[in-house]
């Protein structure tokens, strides 16, 4: 099968890393059987690889994002989860495989050529939706099907690196305005530059509260900010990236 769209090499290599993870590093307990199936359906060669040390770091980052999603879904089994910049993510399928009867709704959002490519081969599933949109400028939350007061999880793996911390801060700020205080909103993201990661939080909080000076030490166990708080943080990619879980509920 010949690829019908130009899929970035890094996206294909990420799919390959997840597909090979169970064999390469069984000790970390990460399995992604659907990655093999998706590669086969899309005609993507799993011989496209990163160096093994880099692959492992990427898989461990992916595993951390999965654990954050599971934690949220344990608290809110009927939540909506939206993965931005999803690419060839198979997170919905991994999480569904570990749930006895998945009740959550999942939406993958990426550029139309990417989601359209996936939609051509993936079977229809009632609680899984693919949306083609530009996550920076389009009103993807409105068309996602999210309803007010439904707990909402936003997953942004690698997104801040692609669009920059300023665009990420504006995106999160917009989310806070749209969701409001009546619904729980949790955002899981990472940034390759730890200081920029904290700058995202600082910029969002400043925009929401008009505060200009906020603590940004990455070594605090929690960082309470007006309007949002950091529930969890994690050094990822061998310390090159900082993972953050931000929640709007006190």
Protein backbone atom coordinates (compact mmCIF):
# COMPACT_ATOMS: atom_id res chain seq x y z
CA UNK A 1 0.00 0.00 0.00
CA UNK A 2 1.41 3.38 -0.98
CA UNK A 3 1.02 6.36 1.36
CA UNK A 4 -1.56 8.79 0.01
CA UNK A 5 -0.43 11.73 2.13
CA UNK A 6 2.91 13.02 3.27
CA UNK A 7 3.19 11.79 6.86
CA UNK A 8 6.17 13.34 8.69
CA UNK A 9 8.97 10.82 9.24
CA UNK A 10 8.98 11.55 12.98
CA UNK A 11 5.30 10.59 13.24
CA UNK A 12 5.96 7.27 11.48
CA UNK A 13 8.99 6.59 13.68
CA UNK A 14 6.91 7.28 16.78
CA UNK A 15 4.37 4.70 15.64
CA UNK A 16 7.20 2.26 15.02
CA UNK A 17 8.70 2.87 18.48
CA UNK A 18 5.39 2.04 20.17
CA UNK A 19 4.91 -1.04 18.02
CA UNK A 20 8.36 -2.41 18.93
CA UNK A 21 8.32 -1.37 22.61
CA UNK A 22 6.91 -4.63 24.01
CA UNK A 23 9.71 -6.62 22.46
CA UNK A 24 12.54 -4.14 22.99
CA UNK A 25 11.80 -3.24 26.62
CA UNK A 26 9.39 -5.76 28.17
CA UNK A 27 10.49 -4.67 31.65
CA UNK A 28 8.75 -1.28 31.40
CA UNK A 29 5.37 -2.91 30.76
CA UNK A 30 4.31 -0.89 27.71
CA UNK A 31 2.32 -2.72 25.02
CA UNK A 32 0.73 -1.22 21.92
CA UNK A 33 -0.66 -4.00 19.78
CA UNK A 34 -2.83 -1.62 17.78
CA UNK A 35 0.25 0.26 16.58
CA UNK A 36 1.17 -2.84 14.53
CA UNK A 37 -2.34 -3.01 13.06
CA UNK A 38 -2.47 0.69 12.23
CA UNK A 39 0.92 0.56 10.50
CA UNK A 40 -0.29 -2.41 8.43
CA UNK A 41 -3.57 -0.70 7.51
CA UNK A 42 -1.78 2.51 6.49
CA UNK A 43 1.08 0.79 4.68
CA UNK A 44 3.72 2.31 6.97
CA UNK A 45 6.99 0.44 7.32
CA UNK A 46 7.93 -0.33 10.92
CA UNK A 47 11.57 -0.39 9.82
CA UNK A 48 11.62 3.40 10.18
CA UNK A 49 13.31 3.75 13.56
CA UNK A 50 14.92 6.22 15.95
CA UNK A 51 18.07 5.09 17.78
CA UNK A 52 16.99 2.69 20.53
CA UNK A 53 17.88 4.98 23.48
CA UNK A 54 15.75 7.75 21.94
CA UNK A 55 12.91 5.34 21.22
CA UNK A 56 12.83 4.21 24.83
CA UNK A 57 12.61 7.81 26.08
CA UNK A 58 9.73 8.49 23.69
CA UNK A 59 7.92 5.34 24.80
CA UNK A 60 8.39 6.23 28.47
CA UNK A 61 6.95 9.69 27.78
CA UNK A 62 4.00 8.08 26.05
CA UNK A 63 3.56 5.74 29.03
CA UNK A 64 3.48 8.71 31.43
CA UNK A 65 0.76 10.39 29.37
CA UNK A 66 -1.22 7.13 29.42
CA UNK A 67 -0.97 6.93 33.21
CA UNK A 68 -2.21 10.53 33.56
CA UNK A 69 -5.17 9.71 31.33
CA UNK A 70 -6.01 6.58 33.34
CA UNK A 71 -5.93 8.57 36.56
CA UNK A 72 -8.40 11.10 35.16
CA UNK A 73 -10.68 8.42 33.75
CA UNK A 74 -10.74 6.57 37.07
CA UNK A 75 -12.08 9.77 38.63
CA UNK A 76 -14.38 10.56 35.69
CA UNK A 77 -15.32 7.40 33.75
CA UNK A 78 -17.74 9.28 31.47
CA UNK A 79 -15.41 12.16 30.64
CA UNK A 80 -14.49 13.45 27.21
CA UNK A 81 -10.81 13.22 26.30
CA UNK A 82 -9.41 15.26 23.43
CA UNK A 83 -5.93 14.58 22.09
CA UNK A 84 -4.54 17.57 20.21
CA UNK A 85 -1.97 17.08 17.49
CA UNK A 86 -2.79 13.38 17.71
CA UNK A 87 -0.99 12.30 14.55
CA UNK A 88 -0.96 8.50 14.44
CA UNK A 89 -1.69 8.18 18.16
CA UNK A 90 -3.22 4.89 19.30
CA UNK A 91 -3.80 6.08 22.87
CA UNK A 92 -7.57 5.59 22.68
CA UNK A 93 -7.07 1.96 21.71
CA UNK A 94 -4.49 1.31 24.44
CA UNK A 95 -6.69 2.83 27.13
CA UNK A 96 -9.79 1.04 25.86
CA UNK A 97 -7.94 -2.27 26.00
CA UNK A 98 -7.30 -1.81 29.73
CA UNK A 99 -10.89 -0.79 30.59
CA UNK A 100 -13.55 -3.42 31.22
CA UNK A 101 -16.21 -1.37 29.43
CA UNK A 102 -15.01 2.04 28.23
CA UNK A 103 -17.60 4.75 28.88
CA UNK A 104 -15.46 7.75 28.02
CA UNK A 105 -15.58 9.68 24.75
CA UNK A 106 -12.34 10.20 22.87
CA UNK A 107 -11.55 12.71 20.12
CA UNK A 108 -8.33 12.81 18.10
CA UNK A 109 -7.67 16.18 16.46
CA UNK A 110 -5.01 16.97 13.89
CA UNK A 111 -4.73 18.56 10.48
CA UNK A 112 -7.38 17.28 8.02
CA UNK A 113 -4.89 15.38 5.85
CA UNK A 114 -3.73 13.36 8.88
CA UNK A 115 -7.14 12.59 10.39
CA UNK A 116 -8.60 11.90 6.95
CA UNK A 117 -5.82 9.39 6.30
CA UNK A 118 -6.61 7.55 9.54
CA UNK A 119 -10.37 7.75 9.00
CA UNK A 120 -10.07 5.87 5.69
CA UNK A 121 -8.82 2.73 7.42
CA UNK A 122 -10.16 2.81 10.99
CA UNK A 123 -13.51 1.13 11.73
CA UNK A 124 -16.30 3.25 13.17
CA UNK A 125 -16.42 3.23 16.99
CA UNK A 126 -19.23 5.05 18.80
CA UNK A 127 -17.03 6.72 21.42
CA UNK A 128 -14.09 7.58 19.14
CA UNK A 129 -14.09 10.57 16.78
CA UNK A 130 -11.51 12.00 14.38
CA UNK A 131 -11.63 15.73 13.64
CA UNK A 132 -9.53 17.62 11.11
CA UNK A 133 -8.66 21.08 12.42
CA UNK A 134 -5.87 23.54 13.08
CA UNK A 135 -5.62 23.39 16.87
CA UNK A 136 -4.24 26.95 17.12
CA UNK A 137 -6.91 28.85 15.18
CA UNK A 138 -9.99 26.61 14.79
CA UNK A 139 -12.80 26.25 17.34
CA UNK A 140 -12.29 22.50 17.70
CA UNK A 141 -13.91 22.34 21.16
CA UNK A 142 -17.22 23.52 19.75
CA UNK A 143 -17.26 20.83 17.06
CA UNK A 144 -15.94 18.05 19.33
CA UNK A 145 -19.34 17.30 20.85
CA UNK A 146 -18.30 18.28 24.37
CA UNK A 147 -21.23 19.30 26.59
CA UNK A 148 -20.96 21.74 29.47
CA UNK A 149 -20.40 20.19 32.92
CA UNK A 150 -18.85 17.07 31.34
CA UNK A 151 -15.33 16.54 32.76
CA UNK A 152 -12.81 17.33 30.04
CA UNK A 153 -9.27 16.04 29.59
CA UNK A 154 -6.95 17.66 27.03
CA UNK A 155 -3.86 15.69 25.98
CA UNK A 156 -1.00 17.61 24.34
CA UNK A 157 1.95 15.25 23.92
CA UNK A 158 4.76 17.08 22.11
CA UNK A 159 2.42 19.90 21.05
CA UNK A 160 4.14 22.75 22.91
CA UNK A 161 7.41 21.93 21.16
CA UNK A 162 5.70 22.20 17.77
CA UNK A 163 3.63 25.35 18.25
CA UNK A 164 5.70 27.15 20.92
CA UNK A 165 5.01 28.08 24.53
CA UNK A 166 3.24 31.35 23.69
CA UNK A 167 0.75 29.68 21.35
CA UNK A 168 0.29 26.90 23.91
CA UNK A 169 -0.45 29.45 26.65
CA UNK A 170 -3.04 31.17 24.45
CA UNK A 171 -4.62 27.81 23.63
CA UNK A 172 -4.96 26.86 27.31
CA UNK A 173 -6.24 30.35 28.17
CA UNK A 174 -8.91 30.00 25.49
CA UNK A 175 -9.88 26.61 26.91
CA UNK A 176 -10.32 28.04 30.40
CA UNK A 177 -12.62 30.73 29.03
CA UNK A 178 -14.70 28.28 27.00
CA UNK A 179 -15.02 25.63 29.71
CA UNK A 180 -15.60 28.02 32.62
CA UNK A 181 -15.65 27.09 36.27
CA UNK A 182 -18.62 24.74 36.14
CA UNK A 183 -16.76 21.86 34.48
CA UNK A 184 -13.55 20.17 35.50
CA UNK A 185 -10.78 20.74 32.98
CA UNK A 186 -7.47 18.91 33.13
CA UNK A 187 -4.62 19.50 30.67
CA UNK A 188 -1.69 17.11 30.31
CA UNK A 189 1.21 18.52 28.33
CA UNK A 190 4.96 18.58 28.03
CA UNK A 191 7.54 21.03 26.79
CA UNK A 192 11.08 20.24 25.70
CA UNK A 193 12.43 23.25 27.58
CA UNK A 194 11.57 23.06 31.30
CA UNK A 195 11.75 26.82 31.83
CA UNK A 196 9.37 27.33 28.93
CA UNK A 197 7.09 24.76 30.51
CA UNK A 198 6.74 26.92 33.58
CA UNK A 199 6.40 30.00 31.41
CA UNK A 200 3.28 28.42 29.90
CA UNK A 201 1.71 28.27 33.37
CA UNK A 202 2.93 31.76 34.22
CA UNK A 203 1.50 33.27 31.06
CA UNK A 204 -1.85 31.51 31.46
CA UNK A 205 -2.18 32.57 35.09
CA UNK A 206 -1.16 36.14 34.27
CA UNK A 207 -3.77 36.32 31.52
CA UNK A 208 -6.47 34.93 33.81
CA UNK A 209 -5.68 36.92 36.93
CA UNK A 210 -3.64 39.94 35.82
CA UNK A 211 -0.79 38.79 38.06
CA UNK A 212 2.65 39.44 36.68
CA UNK A 213 4.91 37.69 39.21
CA UNK A 214 4.43 34.02 40.01
CA UNK A 215 6.69 31.31 41.48
CA UNK A 216 8.10 29.13 38.70
CA UNK A 217 10.49 26.83 40.59
CA UNK A 218 10.22 23.35 39.09
CA UNK A 219 11.18 21.77 42.42
CA UNK A 220 8.03 22.76 44.31
CA UNK A 221 5.89 19.72 45.12
CA UNK A 222 2.82 21.64 43.92
CA UNK A 223 2.43 25.05 42.38
CA UNK A 224 -0.84 26.71 43.32
CA UNK A 225 -1.98 29.44 40.94
CA UNK A 226 -5.22 31.42 40.86
CA UNK A 227 -7.54 29.67 38.43
CA UNK A 228 -5.45 26.52 38.02
CA UNK A 229 -2.99 24.30 39.82
CA UNK A 230 -0.32 21.82 38.90
CA UNK A 231 -1.33 18.35 40.09
CA UNK A 232 1.75 16.56 38.88
CA UNK A 233 5.02 17.14 37.07
CA UNK A 234 7.56 14.77 35.58
CA UNK A 235 10.96 15.03 33.93
CA UNK A 236 10.69 13.33 30.53
CA UNK A 237 12.99 12.52 27.60
CA UNK A 238 15.97 12.16 29.89
CA UNK A 239 15.37 15.54 31.51
CA UNK A 240 15.01 17.41 28.22
CA UNK A 241 11.27 17.80 28.64
CA UNK A 242 8.95 18.66 31.52
CA UNK A 243 5.53 17.02 31.81
CA UNK A 244 2.75 18.93 33.58
CA UNK A 245 -0.78 18.09 34.67
CA UNK A 246 -2.85 21.28 35.14
CA UNK A 247 -6.34 21.26 36.70
CA UNK A 248 -8.87 24.06 37.16
CA UNK A 249 -10.58 22.61 40.27
CA UNK A 250 -9.51 23.43 43.82
